Amino acid sequence: MGSATSELPFQRTPLADAAETGLKIVVVGGFGVGKTTLVRSVSEIRPLNTEELMTQAGQGVDETTGVERKATTTVAFDFGRISLNQHMVLYLFGAPGQERFWFLWDRLFSGTLGAVVLVDTRRMEDSWYAIDRLEHHKTPFVVAVNRFDDDDNRFSLEEIRQALALGEHVPMIDCDARIRSSAKEVLIALVQHLYALALIQERTP
């Protein structure tokens, strides 16, 4: 991606004393898709992350085609926070993307309200495992296409939906994970999706 940065300076916001409800959201996707960047750009606190320099241990194991310039990798998870109001807090967990860390995912999904699947159209096949695990856990999710500056394909959302074999019930949105307002729109889309599902469930006898 290019040199764009978040629109707002980083803030250190204390958690309100009145906060009593925590909602857990997981951001998943392939290696180098922008999960750490999205959590970092939207979090109101300095995110906890477990990025480490890539070493020879990952050579021949981690698939780096399309992200050859990536120098660090998440080895556990990223964590950020957004206060929705005085009483409700959204906790964000970014899952590691490499196949060797996928064993962490099922545990990370425990207690998750919903998820964001971040997609890089240069490596769309990396999204299949995330979608499969979320469907297995019956976890609602939205798909956010992180548009990279060097992506010459510019597939439409409908083309991406077909490539990922997603039903029309799964919301899709374009985003730039580096920009806070764009990352927030992704989370808003997920919250709206969860709200719509809750209304359907409420009306179902």
C-alpha atoms as a PDB file:
ATOM      1  CA  MET A   1       0.000   0.000   0.000  1.00  0.00           C
ATOM      2  CA  GLY A   2       1.058   3.633  -0.360  1.00  0.00           C
ATOM      3  CA  SER A   3       2.033   6.149   2.285  1.00  0.00           C
ATOM      4  CA  ALA A   4      -1.432   7.207   3.431  1.00  0.00           C
ATOM      5  CA  THR A   5      -1.895   7.452   7.193  1.00  0.00           C
ATOM      6  CA  SER A   6      -4.845   7.637   9.562  1.00  0.00           C
ATOM      7  CA  GLU A   7      -6.799  10.872   9.406  1.00  0.00           C
ATOM      8  CA  LEU A   8      -6.728  11.532  13.152  1.00  0.00           C
ATOM      9  CA  PRO A   9      -3.762  11.526  15.538  1.00  0.00           C
ATOM     10  CA  PHE A  10      -3.513   8.587  17.912  1.00  0.00           C
ATOM     11  CA  GLN A  11      -5.481   9.072  21.132  1.00  0.00           C
ATOM     12  CA  ARG A  12      -5.095   7.506  24.581  1.00  0.00           C
ATOM     13  CA  THR A  13      -8.668   7.413  25.811  1.00  0.00           C
ATOM     14  CA  PRO A  14      -9.284   6.057  29.349  1.00  0.00           C
ATOM     15  CA  LEU A  15     -12.051   3.510  29.731  1.00  0.00           C
ATOM     16  CA  ALA A  16     -15.145   5.104  31.280  1.00  0.00           C
ATOM     17  CA  ASP A  17     -15.956   4.004  34.836  1.00  0.00           C
ATOM     18  CA  ALA A  18     -19.522   3.367  33.697  1.00  0.00           C
ATOM     19  CA  ALA A  19     -18.488   0.821  31.046  1.00  0.00           C
ATOM     20  CA  GLU A  20     -20.229  -2.446  31.820  1.00  0.00           C
ATOM     21  CA  THR A  21     -20.713  -4.283  28.512  1.00  0.00           C
ATOM     22  CA  GLY A  22     -17.866  -5.516  26.310  1.00  0.00           C
ATOM     23  CA  LEU A  23     -18.522  -6.706  22.751  1.00  0.00           C
ATOM     24  CA  LYS A  24     -15.889  -8.820  21.020  1.00  0.00           C
ATOM     25  CA  ILE A  25     -15.117  -8.446  17.295  1.00  0.00           C
ATOM     26  CA  VAL A  26     -12.481 -10.459  15.426  1.00  0.00           C
ATOM     27  CA  VAL A  27     -10.654  -9.301  12.275  1.00  0.00           C
ATOM     28  CA  VAL A  28      -9.434 -12.218  10.172  1.00  0.00           C
ATOM     29  CA  GLY A  29      -7.903 -12.729   6.756  1.00  0.00           C
ATOM     30  CA  GLY A  30      -4.767 -13.807   4.961  1.00  0.00           C
ATOM     31  CA  PHE A  31      -1.165 -12.952   5.659  1.00  0.00           C
ATOM     32  CA  GLY A  32      -0.323  -9.294   5.007  1.00  0.00           C
ATOM     33  CA  VAL A  33      -3.901  -8.272   4.225  1.00  0.00           C
ATOM     34  CA  GLY A  34      -3.944  -5.341   6.691  1.00  0.00           C
ATOM     35  CA  LYS A  35      -5.507  -6.694   9.891  1.00  0.00           C
ATOM     36  CA  THR A  36      -2.939  -5.063  12.180  1.00  0.00           C
ATOM     37  CA  THR A  37      -3.273  -1.813  10.227  1.00  0.00           C
ATOM     38  CA  LEU A  38      -7.069  -1.779  10.557  1.00  0.00           C
ATOM     39  CA  VAL A  39      -7.006  -2.411  14.319  1.00  0.00           C
ATOM     40  CA  ARG A  40      -4.303   0.231  14.776  1.00  0.00           C
ATOM     41  CA  SER A  41      -6.095   2.872  12.691  1.00  0.00           C
ATOM     42  CA  VAL A  42      -9.460   2.585  14.440  1.00  0.00           C
ATOM     43  CA  SER A  43      -8.496   1.848  18.065  1.00  0.00           C
ATOM     44  CA  GLU A  44      -8.912   4.647  20.616  1.00  0.00           C
ATOM     45  CA  ILE A  45      -6.053   3.239  22.693  1.00  0.00           C
ATOM     46  CA  ARG A  46      -2.533   2.271  21.738  1.00  0.00           C
ATOM     47  CA  PRO A  47      -3.152  -1.222  20.374  1.00  0.00           C
ATOM     48  CA  LEU A  48      -1.493  -4.239  21.854  1.00  0.00           C
ATOM     49  CA  ASN A  49       0.152  -6.119  19.029  1.00  0.00           C
ATOM     50  CA  THR A  50       2.495  -9.058  18.741  1.00  0.00           C
ATOM     51  CA  GLU A  51       4.301  -8.135  15.547  1.00  0.00           C
ATOM     52  CA  GLU A  52       7.768  -9.599  15.209  1.00  0.00           C
ATOM     53  CA  LEU A  53      10.412  -9.324  12.522  1.00  0.00           C
ATOM     54  CA  MET A  54      10.115 -12.071   9.951  1.00  0.00           C
ATOM     55  CA  THR A  55      13.001 -14.515  10.221  1.00  0.00           C
ATOM     56  CA  GLN A  56      14.422 -17.444   8.315  1.00  0.00           C
ATOM     57  CA  ALA A  57      12.105 -19.713  10.322  1.00  0.00           C
ATOM     58  CA  GLY A  58       9.230 -18.571   8.134  1.00  0.00           C
ATOM     59  CA  GLN A  59      11.020 -19.093   4.835  1.00  0.00           C
ATOM     60  CA  GLY A  60       9.410 -21.865   2.836  1.00  0.00           C
ATOM     61  CA  VAL A  61       6.517 -21.924   5.325  1.00  0.00           C
ATOM     62  CA  ASP A  62       4.796 -18.545   5.007  1.00  0.00           C
ATOM     63  CA  GLU A  63       3.445 -17.757   1.545  1.00  0.00           C
ATOM     64  CA  THR A  64       4.652 -14.224   0.754  1.00  0.00           C
ATOM     65  CA  THR A  65       3.683 -13.892  -2.905  1.00  0.00           C
ATOM     66  CA  GLY A  66       2.304 -10.377  -3.346  1.00  0.00           C
ATOM     67  CA  VAL A  67       3.617  -9.165   0.019  1.00  0.00           C
ATOM     68  CA  GLU A  68       7.331  -9.668  -0.498  1.00  0.00           C
ATOM     69  CA  ARG A  69       8.148  -6.308   1.109  1.00  0.00           C
ATOM     70  CA  LYS A  70       6.442  -7.211   4.400  1.00  0.00           C
ATOM     71  CA  ALA A  71       9.092  -7.261   7.167  1.00  0.00           C
ATOM     72  CA  THR A  72       6.986  -8.071  10.250  1.00  0.00           C
ATOM     73  CA  THR A  73       4.285 -10.567  11.111  1.00  0.00           C
ATOM     74  CA  THR A  74       1.682 -11.021  13.862  1.00  0.00           C
ATOM     75  CA  VAL A  75       2.490 -14.109  15.938  1.00  0.00           C
ATOM     76  CA  ALA A  76      -0.453 -14.083  18.395  1.00  0.00           C
ATOM     77  CA  PHE A  77      -3.109 -11.386  17.925  1.00  0.00           C
ATOM     78  CA  ASP A  78      -3.664  -7.635  17.832  1.00  0.00           C
ATOM     79  CA  PHE A  79      -5.954  -5.970  20.349  1.00  0.00           C
ATOM     80  CA  GLY A  80      -7.697  -2.592  20.235  1.00  0.00           C
ATOM     81  CA  ARG A  81     -10.704  -0.879  21.807  1.00  0.00           C
ATOM     82  CA  ILE A  82     -13.528   1.480  20.825  1.00  0.00           C
ATOM     83  CA  SER A  83     -16.033   2.968  23.290  1.00  0.00           C
ATOM     84  CA  LEU A  84     -19.455   2.997  21.638  1.00  0.00           C
ATOM     85  CA  ASN A  85     -21.011   4.930  24.521  1.00  0.00           C
ATOM     86  CA  GLN A  86     -20.617   5.344  28.290  1.00  0.00           C
ATOM     87  CA  HIS A  87     -21.710   1.773  28.949  1.00  0.00           C
ATOM     88  CA  MET A  88     -20.677  -0.251  25.895  1.00  0.00           C
ATOM     89  CA  VAL A  89     -17.169  -1.024  24.645  1.00  0.00           C
ATOM     90  CA  LEU A  90     -16.097  -2.785  21.451  1.00  0.00           C
ATOM     91  CA  TYR A  91     -12.980  -4.964  21.760  1.00  0.00           C
ATOM     92  CA  LEU A  92     -11.116  -5.713  18.524  1.00  0.00           C
ATOM     93  CA  PHE A  93      -8.943  -8.781  18.035  1.00  0.00           C
ATOM     94  CA  GLY A  94      -6.824  -9.156  14.907  1.00  0.00           C
ATOM     95  CA  ALA A  95      -5.967 -12.796  14.175  1.00  0.00           C
ATOM     96  CA  PRO A  96      -2.598 -13.897  12.721  1.00  0.00           C
ATOM     97  CA  GLY A  97      -2.830 -14.698   9.025  1.00  0.00           C
ATOM     98  CA  GLN A  98      -0.243 -17.410   8.423  1.00  0.00           C
ATOM     99  CA  GLU A  99      -1.402 -21.005   8.200  1.00  0.00           C
ATOM    100  CA  ARG A 100       0.986 -22.083  10.995  1.00  0.00           C
ATOM    101  CA  PHE A 101      -0.971 -19.876  13.450  1.00  0.00           C
ATOM    102  CA  TRP A 102      -4.467 -20.930  12.392  1.00  0.00           C
ATOM    103  CA  PHE A 103      -4.737 -23.244  15.418  1.00  0.00           C
ATOM    104  CA  LEU A 104      -5.272 -20.057  17.486  1.00  0.00           C
ATOM    105  CA  TRP A 105      -8.370 -19.033  15.565  1.00  0.00           C
ATOM    106  CA  ASP A 106     -10.996 -21.361  17.030  1.00  0.00           C
ATOM    107  CA  ARG A 107     -10.147 -20.222  20.563  1.00  0.00           C
ATOM    108  CA  LEU A 108     -10.105 -16.584  19.450  1.00  0.00           C
ATOM    109  CA  PHE A 109     -13.610 -16.978  17.981  1.00  0.00           C
ATOM    110  CA  SER A 110     -15.013 -18.013  21.372  1.00  0.00           C
ATOM    111  CA  GLY A 111     -17.473 -15.377  22.594  1.00  0.00           C
ATOM    112  CA  THR A 112     -17.191 -13.362  19.392  1.00  0.00           C
ATOM    113  CA  LEU A 113     -20.199 -11.235  18.460  1.00  0.00           C
ATOM    114  CA  GLY A 114     -19.174 -10.977  14.811  1.00  0.00           C
ATOM    115  CA  ALA A 115     -16.184 -10.789  12.507  1.00  0.00           C
ATOM    116  CA  VAL A 116     -14.605  -8.857   9.662  1.00  0.00           C
ATOM    117  CA  VAL A 117     -12.966 -10.840   6.873  1.00  0.00           C
ATOM    118  CA  LEU A 118     -10.354  -8.585   5.304  1.00  0.00           C
ATOM    119  CA  VAL A 119      -9.610  -9.454   1.676  1.00  0.00           C
ATOM    120  CA  ASP A 120      -6.661  -8.675  -0.590  1.00  0.00           C
ATOM    121  CA  THR A 121      -7.772  -9.241  -4.203  1.00  0.00           C
ATOM    122  CA  ARG A 122      -4.206 -10.183  -5.175  1.00  0.00           C
ATOM    123  CA  ARG A 123      -4.475 -13.187  -2.819  1.00  0.00           C
ATOM    124  CA  MET A 124      -8.188 -13.930  -2.592  1.00  0.00           C
ATOM    125  CA  GLU A 125      -7.647 -17.632  -1.943  1.00  0.00           C
ATOM    126  CA  ASP A 126      -6.176 -16.678   1.458  1.00  0.00           C
ATOM    127  CA  SER A 127      -9.691 -15.684   2.571  1.00  0.00           C
ATOM    128  CA  TRP A 128     -11.281 -19.091   2.096  1.00  0.00           C
ATOM    129  CA  TYR A 129     -10.086 -20.597   5.380  1.00  0.00           C
ATOM    130  CA  ALA A 130     -11.327 -17.598   7.389  1.00  0.00           C
ATOM    131  CA  ILE A 131     -14.762 -17.777   5.771  1.00  0.00           C
ATOM    132  CA  ASP A 132     -14.923 -21.545   6.287  1.00  0.00           C
ATOM    133  CA  ARG A 133     -14.097 -21.303  10.009  1.00  0.00           C
ATOM    134  CA  LEU A 134     -16.577 -18.481  10.609  1.00  0.00           C
ATOM    135  CA  GLU A 135     -19.343 -20.413   8.861  1.00  0.00           C
ATOM    136  CA  HIS A 136     -18.401 -23.498  10.888  1.00  0.00           C
ATOM    137  CA  HIS A 137     -18.778 -21.510  14.119  1.00  0.00           C
ATOM    138  CA  LYS A 138     -21.958 -19.824  12.792  1.00  0.00           C
ATOM    139  CA  THR A 139     -20.312 -16.452  13.450  1.00  0.00           C
ATOM    140  CA  PRO A 140     -21.864 -13.547  11.495  1.00  0.00           C
ATOM    141  CA  PHE A 141     -19.365 -11.632   9.386  1.00  0.00           C
ATOM    142  CA  VAL A 142     -18.901  -8.965   6.754  1.00  0.00           C
ATOM    143  CA  VAL A 143     -16.275  -8.931   4.019  1.00  0.00           C
ATOM    144  CA  ALA A 144     -14.105  -5.818   3.659  1.00  0.00           C
ATOM    145  CA  VAL A 145     -11.955  -5.505   0.535  1.00  0.00           C
ATOM    146  CA  ASN A 146      -8.750  -3.681   1.424  1.00  0.00           C
ATOM    147  CA  ARG A 147      -7.886  -1.801  -1.768  1.00  0.00           C
ATOM    148  CA  PHE A 148      -4.129  -1.689  -2.332  1.00  0.00           C
ATOM    149  CA  ASP A 149      -2.463   0.942  -4.503  1.00  0.00           C
ATOM    150  CA  ASP A 150      -0.580  -1.637  -6.585  1.00  0.00           C
ATOM    151  CA  ASP A 151      -3.636  -3.795  -7.304  1.00  0.00           C
ATOM    152  CA  ASP A 152      -4.128  -3.525 -11.053  1.00  0.00           C
ATOM    153  CA  ASN A 153      -7.117  -5.876 -11.230  1.00  0.00           C
ATOM    154  CA  ARG A 154      -9.714  -3.711  -9.444  1.00  0.00           C
ATOM    155  CA  PHE A 155     -12.284  -6.477  -9.309  1.00  0.00           C
ATOM    156  CA  SER A 156     -15.783  -5.289  -8.451  1.00  0.00           C
ATOM    157  CA  LEU A 157     -17.447  -6.357  -5.209  1.00  0.00           C
ATOM    158  CA  GLU A 158     -19.800  -8.583  -7.191  1.00  0.00           C
ATOM    159  CA  GLU A 159     -16.875 -10.305  -8.923  1.00  0.00           C
ATOM    160  CA  ILE A 160     -15.214 -10.842  -5.549  1.00  0.00           C
ATOM    161  CA  ARG A 161     -18.473 -12.207  -4.109  1.00  0.00           C
ATOM    162  CA  GLN A 162     -18.619 -14.771  -6.909  1.00  0.00           C
ATOM    163  CA  ALA A 163     -14.934 -15.705  -6.517  1.00  0.00           C
ATOM    164  CA  LEU A 164     -15.433 -16.317  -2.785  1.00  0.00           C
ATOM    165  CA  ALA A 165     -18.788 -18.096  -3.334  1.00  0.00           C
ATOM    166  CA  LEU A 166     -20.531 -15.764  -0.878  1.00  0.00           C
ATOM    167  CA  GLY A 167     -24.289 -15.550  -0.601  1.00  0.00           C
ATOM    168  CA  GLU A 168     -26.133 -12.273  -1.006  1.00  0.00           C
ATOM    169  CA  HIS A 169     -26.784 -12.217   2.753  1.00  0.00           C
ATOM    170  CA  VAL A 170     -23.107 -11.461   3.453  1.00  0.00           C
ATOM    171  CA  PRO A 171     -22.444  -7.681   3.371  1.00  0.00           C
ATOM    172  CA  MET A 172     -19.403  -6.507   1.399  1.00  0.00           C
ATOM    173  CA  ILE A 173     -17.635  -3.151   1.556  1.00  0.00           C
ATOM    174  CA  ASP A 174     -14.548  -1.494   0.080  1.00  0.00           C
ATOM    175  CA  CYS A 175     -12.060  -0.011   2.519  1.00  0.00           C
ATOM    176  CA  ASP A 176      -8.604   1.416   3.076  1.00  0.00           C
ATOM    177  CA  ALA A 177      -7.402  -0.073   6.359  1.00  0.00           C
ATOM    178  CA  ARG A 178      -4.912   2.779   6.838  1.00  0.00           C
ATOM    179  CA  ILE A 179      -7.621   5.421   7.140  1.00  0.00           C
ATOM    180  CA  ARG A 180      -9.567   5.638  10.385  1.00  0.00           C
ATOM    181  CA  SER A 181     -12.855   6.786   8.848  1.00  0.00           C
ATOM    182  CA  SER A 182     -12.733   3.922   6.340  1.00  0.00           C
ATOM    183  CA  ALA A 183     -11.980   1.353   9.052  1.00  0.00           C
ATOM    184  CA  LYS A 184     -14.876   2.743  11.110  1.00  0.00           C
ATOM    185  CA  GLU A 185     -17.229   2.275   8.154  1.00  0.00           C
ATOM    186  CA  VAL A 186     -16.294  -1.414   8.109  1.00  0.00           C
ATOM    187  CA  LEU A 187     -17.191  -1.786  11.792  1.00  0.00           C
ATOM    188  CA  ILE A 188     -20.426   0.161  11.282  1.00  0.00           C
ATOM    189  CA  ALA A 189     -21.341  -2.230   8.444  1.00  0.00           C
ATOM    190  CA  LEU A 190     -20.751  -5.181  10.773  1.00  0.00           C
ATOM    191  CA  VAL A 191     -22.801  -3.670  13.610  1.00  0.00           C
ATOM    192  CA  GLN A 192     -25.661  -2.923  11.190  1.00  0.00           C
ATOM    193  CA  HIS A 193     -25.502  -6.505   9.936  1.00  0.00           C
ATOM    194  CA  LEU A 194     -25.618  -7.878  13.486  1.00  0.00           C
ATOM    195  CA  TYR A 195     -28.540  -5.602  14.318  1.00  0.00           C
ATOM    196  CA  ALA A 196     -30.463  -6.770  11.241  1.00  0.00           C
ATOM    197  CA  LEU A 197     -29.842 -10.411  12.167  1.00  0.00           C
ATOM    198  CA  ALA A 198     -31.029  -9.767  15.716  1.00  0.00           C
ATOM    199  CA  LEU A 199     -34.266  -8.236  14.429  1.00  0.00           C
ATOM    200  CA  ILE A 200     -34.880 -11.257  12.180  1.00  0.00           C
ATOM    201  CA  GLN A 201     -34.287 -13.623  15.069  1.00  0.00           C
ATOM    202  CA  GLU A 202     -36.634 -11.584  17.270  1.00  0.00           C
ATOM    203  CA  ARG A 203     -39.429 -11.826  14.706  1.00  0.00           C
ATOM    204  CA  THR A 204     -38.965 -15.543  14.117  1.00  0.00           C
ATOM    205  CA  PRO A 205     -41.473 -17.543  16.171  1.00  0.00           C
END
